[in-house]
Protein backbone atom coordinates (compact mmCIF):
# COMPACT_ATOMS: atom_id res chain seq x y z
CA MET A 1 0.00 0.00 0.00
CA PRO A 2 1.49 3.26 -1.01
CA ASP A 3 -0.37 5.15 1.74
CA ASP A 4 0.93 2.87 4.44
CA ASP A 5 3.94 4.85 5.67
CA LEU A 6 5.79 3.08 8.54
CA SER A 7 8.31 5.86 9.21
CA ALA A 8 8.76 6.93 12.86
CA ASP A 9 6.99 10.27 12.32
CA ALA A 10 4.10 8.68 10.50
CA VAL A 11 3.71 5.96 13.14
CA ALA A 12 3.81 8.50 15.99
CA GLU A 13 0.88 10.44 14.59
CA ARG A 14 -1.24 7.34 13.93
CA ARG A 15 -3.06 5.37 16.60
CA PRO A 16 -1.85 1.84 17.52
CA CYS A 17 -4.01 -1.24 17.01
CA LYS A 18 -5.61 -2.33 20.30
CA HIS A 19 -4.80 -5.95 19.51
CA CYS A 20 -1.23 -6.01 18.18
CA GLY A 21 0.02 -2.46 18.79
CA ARG A 22 1.02 -1.77 15.18
CA PRO A 23 -0.19 1.52 13.68
CA ILE A 24 -3.62 1.52 12.10
CA PRO A 25 -3.22 2.00 8.31
CA ARG A 26 -4.25 5.26 6.70
CA GLY A 27 -7.44 5.29 4.78
CA VAL A 28 -9.51 3.39 7.34
CA ARG A 29 -12.27 5.03 9.30
CA SER A 30 -11.19 7.68 11.75
CA ASP A 31 -12.72 5.84 14.70
CA ALA A 32 -11.09 2.48 13.82
CA GLU A 33 -9.28 0.84 16.74
CA TYR A 34 -7.83 -2.22 14.98
CA CYS A 35 -5.52 -2.62 12.01
CA SER A 36 -7.63 -5.40 10.45
CA PRO A 37 -11.06 -7.06 10.84
CA ALA A 38 -9.28 -10.25 11.95
CA HIS A 39 -7.66 -8.37 14.86
CA HIS A 40 -11.06 -6.87 15.76
CA THR A 41 -12.57 -10.39 15.93
CA ALA A 42 -9.59 -11.83 17.84
CA ARG A 43 -9.70 -9.02 20.39
CA HIS A 44 -13.45 -9.49 20.86
CA LYS A 45 -13.03 -13.27 21.38
CA ALA A 46 -10.18 -12.71 23.84
CA ARG A 47 -12.27 -10.22 25.82
CA SER A 48 -15.27 -12.61 25.88
CA LYS A 49 -13.05 -15.46 26.98
CA ALA A 50 -11.53 -13.33 29.77
CA GLU A 51 -14.98 -12.25 30.96
CA THR A 52 -16.32 -15.81 31.09
CA ALA A 53 -13.15 -17.33 32.57
CA GLY A 54 -14.45 -16.74 36.10
CA LEU A 55 -17.81 -18.35 35.39
CA ALA A 56 -18.52 -22.01 36.17
CA PRO A 57 -18.51 -24.43 33.25
CA THR A 58 -21.85 -25.21 31.66
CA ARG A 59 -23.41 -28.25 33.27
CA THR A 60 -25.73 -30.73 31.67
CA LEU A 61 -28.35 -32.85 33.36
CA ARG A 62 -26.80 -36.01 31.94
CA GLY A 63 -23.38 -35.11 33.34
CA GLU A 64 -24.83 -34.09 36.70
CA THR A 65 -26.81 -37.34 36.91
CA ALA A 66 -23.68 -39.42 36.30
CA GLN A 67 -21.78 -37.44 38.93
CA LEU A 68 -24.70 -37.83 41.34
CA GLY A 69 -24.70 -41.60 40.77
CA ARG A 70 -21.00 -41.84 41.61
CA THR A 71 -21.50 -39.63 44.67
CA LEU A 72 -24.43 -41.74 45.89
CA ALA A 73 -22.45 -44.98 45.42
CA ALA A 74 -19.55 -43.57 47.42
CA PHE A 75 -21.98 -42.31 50.06
CA GLU A 76 -23.66 -45.73 50.36
CA LYS A 77 -20.26 -47.41 50.71
CA ARG A 78 -19.20 -45.01 53.45
CA THR A 79 -22.61 -45.26 55.12
CA GLY A 80 -22.17 -49.02 55.45
CA VAL A 81 -18.74 -48.61 57.01
CA LEU A 82 -19.97 -45.88 59.34
CA THR A 83 -22.99 -47.98 60.35
CA GLU A 84 -20.70 -50.89 61.23
CA LEU A 85 -18.43 -48.60 63.23
CA LEU A 86 -21.38 -47.05 65.03
CA ASN A 87 -22.93 -50.43 65.84
CA GLY A 88 -19.59 -51.64 67.17
CA ALA A 89 -19.20 -48.54 69.30
CA VAL A 90 -22.75 -48.89 70.67
CA THR A 91 -22.18 -52.56 71.50
CA GLU A 92 -18.89 -51.76 73.18
CA ALA A 93 -20.47 -48.94 75.17
CA ALA A 94 -23.31 -51.24 76.28
CA GLU A 95 -20.81 -53.88 77.38
CA ASP A 96 -18.79 -51.26 79.26
CA ALA A 97 -21.96 -49.98 80.96
CA GLU A 98 -22.96 -53.53 81.98
CA GLN A 99 -19.46 -54.15 83.38
CA ALA A 100 -19.60 -50.87 85.30
CA ARG A 101 -23.05 -51.83 86.66
CA ARG A 102 -21.71 -55.21 87.85
CA GLU A 103 -18.71 -53.55 89.48
CA ALA A 104 -20.99 -51.02 91.20
CA GLN A 105 -23.18 -53.87 92.54
CA THR A 106 -20.10 -55.69 93.83
CA ALA A 107 -18.85 -52.52 95.48
CA ARG A 108 -22.31 -51.90 96.98
CA ARG A 109 -22.40 -55.45 98.41
CA ALA A 110 -18.88 -55.04 99.84
CA THR A 111 -19.89 -51.71 101.38
CA ASP A 112 -23.04 -53.23 102.89
CA GLU A 113 -21.00 -56.13 104.34
CA ALA A 114 -18.41 -53.74 105.75
CA GLU A 115 -21.16 -51.62 107.31
CA THR A 116 -22.74 -54.75 108.83
CA ARG A 117 -19.36 -55.84 110.26
CA ALA A 118 -18.79 -52.30 111.57
CA ASP A 119 -22.25 -52.27 113.19
CA ALA A 120 -21.53 -55.66 114.76
CA ALA A 121 -18.14 -54.41 116.00
CA ASP A 122 -19.82 -51.29 117.39
CA ALA A 123 -22.42 -53.44 119.16
CA ALA A 124 -19.70 -55.73 120.54
CA ALA A 125 -17.67 -52.73 121.70
CA LYS A 126 -20.74 -51.19 123.32
CA GLU A 127 -21.52 -54.47 125.05
CA ALA A 128 -17.90 -54.75 126.19
CA ARG A 129 -17.99 -51.16 127.52
CA THR A 130 -21.25 -51.88 129.33
CA GLU A 131 -19.82 -55.08 130.79
CA ARG A 132 -16.64 -53.25 131.81
CA ASP A 133 -18.66 -50.42 133.37
CA GLU A 134 -20.73 -52.97 135.29
CA LYS A 135 -17.56 -54.71 136.51
CA VAL A 136 -16.01 -51.39 137.51
CA ALA A 137 -19.22 -50.41 139.32
CA ALA A 138 -19.30 -53.83 141.06
CA ALA A 139 -15.64 -53.45 141.99
CA HIS A 140 -16.34 -49.99 143.43
CA ARG A 141 -19.29 -51.37 145.41
CA ASP A 142 -17.17 -54.24 146.71
CA ALA A 143 -14.35 -51.83 147.55
CA ARG A 144 -16.77 -49.55 149.38
CA GLU A 145 -18.28 -52.49 151.23
CA GLN A 146 -14.80 -53.72 152.16
CA VAL A 147 -13.79 -50.23 153.30
CA ALA A 148 -17.02 -49.92 155.28
CA GLY A 149 -16.46 -53.39 156.79
CA ALA A 150 -12.84 -52.53 157.61
CA ARG A 151 -13.93 -49.29 159.29
CA ALA A 152 -16.56 -51.09 161.27
CA ASN A 153 -13.99 -53.64 162.37
CA ALA A 154 -11.52 -50.89 163.18
CA GLU A 155 -14.12 -49.04 165.27
CA ARG A 156 -15.01 -52.19 167.17
CA ALA A 157 -11.39 -52.84 167.72
CA TRP A 158 -10.85 -49.34 169.18
CA ARG A 159 -13.71 -49.53 171.53
């Protein structure tokens, strides 16, 4: 093109293409932003692609159904494993509770027996104290009677 002057002065006064940066040729519309229709189309496609890059991919019902089927199969598999684990844990907890109940009953029986033995020991000690107190009281009475008898004998002897 004879009108397409690529000298530095000519390029400086012409606008650059928004796609490739080369100067827009002379003779095109004054509001042209691209050096060729192909660059205009490429720039538009690039902009559309950049705008939709952040959007989620288009989903189809057929694809979603297949994904849902795989998800449900995995869920059912894990549900079975979790159910087995839960049943095992419940059984173990029930066995532990039964063992704890048995141990509590054994401890309760031992406590009751110890309390019975303690009550018997208390009763025996109380009986022993009573018996001792009676013996001490009898010994005091005997001692008083002996002292009284000795005084009476001493008084008779002095008279």
